[in-house]
Amino acid sequence: VSTFGMMKCVAALARSEGGHDSKKKNNLPPDFDIDMDAPETAKAAVTIQSQFRKFQKKKQDVKS
């Protein structure tokens, strides 16, 4: 997965952590900076990738 792809995943995760309240989503700044060198960012990217791979595997098993 590219760095840009990880950044998009981490940004999506950051938005989803705010809860499901649509008002909170609208209060986010249009551009917010994500430190791609932070250990938390790398950990979040690995977690997202792992969950996505599990989802893909489960989806593939259901089709079989």
N, C-alpha and C. Protein backbone atom coordinates (compact mmCIF):
# COMPACT_ATOMS: atom_id res chain seq x y z
N VAL A 1 0.85 -1.17 0.00
CA VAL A 1 0.00 0.00 0.00
C VAL A 1 0.89 1.23 0.00
N SER A 2 0.53 2.19 -0.82
CA SER A 2 1.33 3.40 -0.93
C SER A 2 1.16 4.29 0.30
N THR A 3 2.08 5.22 0.44
CA THR A 3 2.00 6.17 1.55
C THR A 3 0.72 6.99 1.44
N PHE A 4 0.36 7.36 0.22
CA PHE A 4 -0.86 8.14 0.02
C PHE A 4 -2.08 7.33 0.43
N GLY A 5 -2.08 6.04 0.09
CA GLY A 5 -3.20 5.16 0.47
C GLY A 5 -3.32 5.03 1.97
N MET A 6 -2.17 4.90 2.65
CA MET A 6 -2.19 4.83 4.11
C MET A 6 -2.70 6.13 4.70
N MET A 7 -2.28 7.25 4.11
CA MET A 7 -2.70 8.55 4.61
C MET A 7 -4.22 8.68 4.51
N LYS A 8 -4.80 8.23 3.41
CA LYS A 8 -6.25 8.29 3.24
C LYS A 8 -6.95 7.43 4.27
N CYS A 9 -6.40 6.24 4.55
CA CYS A 9 -6.99 5.35 5.54
C CYS A 9 -6.93 5.95 6.94
N VAL A 10 -5.79 6.51 7.27
CA VAL A 10 -5.62 7.12 8.59
C VAL A 10 -6.54 8.32 8.73
N ALA A 11 -6.68 9.10 7.67
CA ALA A 11 -7.57 10.26 7.72
C ALA A 11 -9.01 9.80 7.91
N ALA A 12 -9.40 8.74 7.25
CA ALA A 12 -10.75 8.21 7.40
C ALA A 12 -10.96 7.71 8.82
N LEU A 13 -9.95 7.05 9.38
CA LEU A 13 -10.05 6.57 10.75
C LEU A 13 -10.16 7.74 11.72
N ALA A 14 -9.39 8.77 11.50
CA ALA A 14 -9.44 9.95 12.38
C ALA A 14 -10.82 10.59 12.34
N ARG A 15 -11.43 10.64 11.16
CA ARG A 15 -12.77 11.21 11.05
C ARG A 15 -13.79 10.32 11.75
N SER A 16 -13.64 9.01 11.63
CA SER A 16 -14.63 8.11 12.21
C SER A 16 -14.54 8.05 13.72
N GLU A 17 -13.40 8.37 14.31
CA GLU A 17 -13.25 8.32 15.76
C GLU A 17 -14.06 9.41 16.44
N GLY A 18 -14.49 10.42 15.71
CA GLY A 18 -15.27 11.49 16.30
C GLY A 18 -16.69 11.10 16.62
N GLY A 19 -17.11 9.93 16.25
CA GLY A 19 -18.48 9.50 16.50
C GLY A 19 -19.30 9.59 15.23
N HIS A 20 -20.57 9.29 15.35
CA HIS A 20 -21.43 9.26 14.19
C HIS A 20 -22.26 10.53 14.05
N ASP A 21 -21.97 11.51 14.84
CA ASP A 21 -22.71 12.77 14.80
C ASP A 21 -22.28 13.57 13.57
N SER A 22 -23.22 13.85 12.67
CA SER A 22 -22.87 14.55 11.44
C SER A 22 -22.41 15.98 11.70
N LYS A 23 -22.86 16.58 12.81
CA LYS A 23 -22.41 17.93 13.13
C LYS A 23 -20.91 17.95 13.41
N LYS A 24 -20.41 16.93 14.07
CA LYS A 24 -18.98 16.87 14.36
C LYS A 24 -18.16 16.76 13.08
N LYS A 25 -18.66 16.02 12.11
CA LYS A 25 -17.96 15.87 10.84
C LYS A 25 -17.83 17.21 10.13
N ASN A 26 -18.85 18.02 10.22
CA ASN A 26 -18.82 19.32 9.56
C ASN A 26 -17.89 20.31 10.25
N ASN A 27 -17.54 20.06 11.51
CA ASN A 27 -16.67 20.96 12.25
C ASN A 27 -15.19 20.68 12.01
N LEU A 28 -14.87 19.62 11.31
CA LEU A 28 -13.47 19.33 11.03
C LEU A 28 -12.91 20.35 10.06
N PRO A 29 -11.68 20.74 10.25
CA PRO A 29 -11.07 21.66 9.29
C PRO A 29 -10.93 20.98 7.94
N PRO A 30 -11.06 21.73 6.85
CA PRO A 30 -10.99 21.11 5.52
C PRO A 30 -9.64 20.46 5.26
N ASP A 31 -8.58 20.99 5.81
CA ASP A 31 -7.24 20.42 5.67
C ASP A 31 -6.64 20.26 7.05
N PHE A 32 -6.31 19.04 7.41
CA PHE A 32 -5.61 18.85 8.66
C PHE A 32 -4.38 18.00 8.40
N ASP A 33 -3.34 18.29 9.12
CA ASP A 33 -2.04 17.68 8.87
C ASP A 33 -1.91 16.37 9.63
N ILE A 34 -1.42 15.34 8.94
CA ILE A 34 -1.13 14.06 9.57
C ILE A 34 0.36 13.83 9.47
N ASP A 35 0.99 13.62 10.61
CA ASP A 35 2.43 13.37 10.65
C ASP A 35 2.68 11.94 10.20
N MET A 36 3.17 11.78 8.97
CA MET A 36 3.40 10.45 8.42
C MET A 36 4.58 9.73 9.07
N ASP A 37 5.40 10.45 9.82
CA ASP A 37 6.55 9.83 10.48
C ASP A 37 6.25 9.41 11.92
N ALA A 38 5.07 9.74 12.41
CA ALA A 38 4.71 9.41 13.80
C ALA A 38 4.47 7.92 13.94
N PRO A 39 4.93 7.33 15.04
CA PRO A 39 4.70 5.90 15.25
C PRO A 39 3.22 5.53 15.32
N GLU A 40 2.40 6.45 15.82
CA GLU A 40 0.96 6.19 15.91
C GLU A 40 0.35 6.05 14.52
N THR A 41 0.85 6.83 13.56
CA THR A 41 0.35 6.76 12.20
C THR A 41 0.67 5.41 11.58
N ALA A 42 1.89 4.95 11.77
CA ALA A 42 2.29 3.64 11.23
C ALA A 42 1.46 2.53 11.86
N LYS A 43 1.25 2.62 13.17
CA LYS A 43 0.46 1.61 13.88
C LYS A 43 -0.98 1.61 13.36
N ALA A 44 -1.55 2.79 13.17
CA ALA A 44 -2.91 2.89 12.66
C ALA A 44 -3.00 2.31 11.24
N ALA A 45 -2.01 2.58 10.41
CA ALA A 45 -2.01 2.06 9.05
C ALA A 45 -1.96 0.54 9.04
N VAL A 46 -1.12 -0.04 9.90
CA VAL A 46 -1.02 -1.50 9.97
C VAL A 46 -2.35 -2.09 10.45
N THR A 47 -2.97 -1.47 11.42
CA THR A 47 -4.26 -1.95 11.93
C THR A 47 -5.32 -1.90 10.86
N ILE A 48 -5.38 -0.80 10.13
CA ILE A 48 -6.36 -0.64 9.06
C ILE A 48 -6.13 -1.69 7.97
N GLN A 49 -4.89 -1.88 7.59
CA GLN A 49 -4.57 -2.86 6.54
C GLN A 49 -4.94 -4.27 7.00
N SER A 50 -4.66 -4.59 8.24
CA SER A 50 -4.98 -5.91 8.77
C SER A 50 -6.49 -6.16 8.74
N GLN A 51 -7.24 -5.20 9.19
CA GLN A 51 -8.70 -5.34 9.20
C GLN A 51 -9.25 -5.46 7.78
N PHE A 52 -8.67 -4.69 6.86
CA PHE A 52 -9.12 -4.75 5.49
C PHE A 52 -8.83 -6.12 4.87
N ARG A 53 -7.64 -6.66 5.16
CA ARG A 53 -7.29 -7.99 4.64
C ARG A 53 -8.22 -9.06 5.21
N LYS A 54 -8.56 -8.95 6.49
CA LYS A 54 -9.50 -9.90 7.09
C LYS A 54 -10.86 -9.79 6.42
N PHE A 55 -11.29 -8.56 6.15
CA PHE A 55 -12.57 -8.33 5.48
C PHE A 55 -12.56 -8.95 4.08
N GLN A 56 -11.46 -8.73 3.35
CA GLN A 56 -11.36 -9.27 1.99
C GLN A 56 -11.37 -10.80 2.03
N LYS A 57 -10.66 -11.39 2.97
CA LYS A 57 -10.63 -12.85 3.09
C LYS A 57 -12.02 -13.39 3.41
N LYS A 58 -12.70 -12.74 4.34
CA LYS A 58 -14.04 -13.18 4.71
C LYS A 58 -14.99 -13.04 3.52
N LYS A 59 -14.85 -11.96 2.80
CA LYS A 59 -15.69 -11.74 1.61
C LYS A 59 -15.42 -12.82 0.56
N GLN A 60 -14.16 -13.19 0.39
CA GLN A 60 -13.77 -14.22 -0.57
C GLN A 60 -14.32 -15.58 -0.13
N ASP A 61 -14.29 -15.87 1.18
CA ASP A 61 -14.79 -17.14 1.69
C ASP A 61 -16.29 -17.28 1.49
N VAL A 62 -17.02 -16.18 1.61
CA VAL A 62 -18.48 -16.20 1.43
C VAL A 62 -18.82 -16.51 -0.02
N LYS A 63 -18.04 -16.00 -0.97
CA LYS A 63 -18.28 -16.25 -2.39
C LYS A 63 -18.01 -17.69 -2.76
N SER A 64 -17.11 -18.35 -2.06
CA SER A 64 -16.72 -19.73 -2.40
C SER A 64 -17.81 -20.73 -2.11
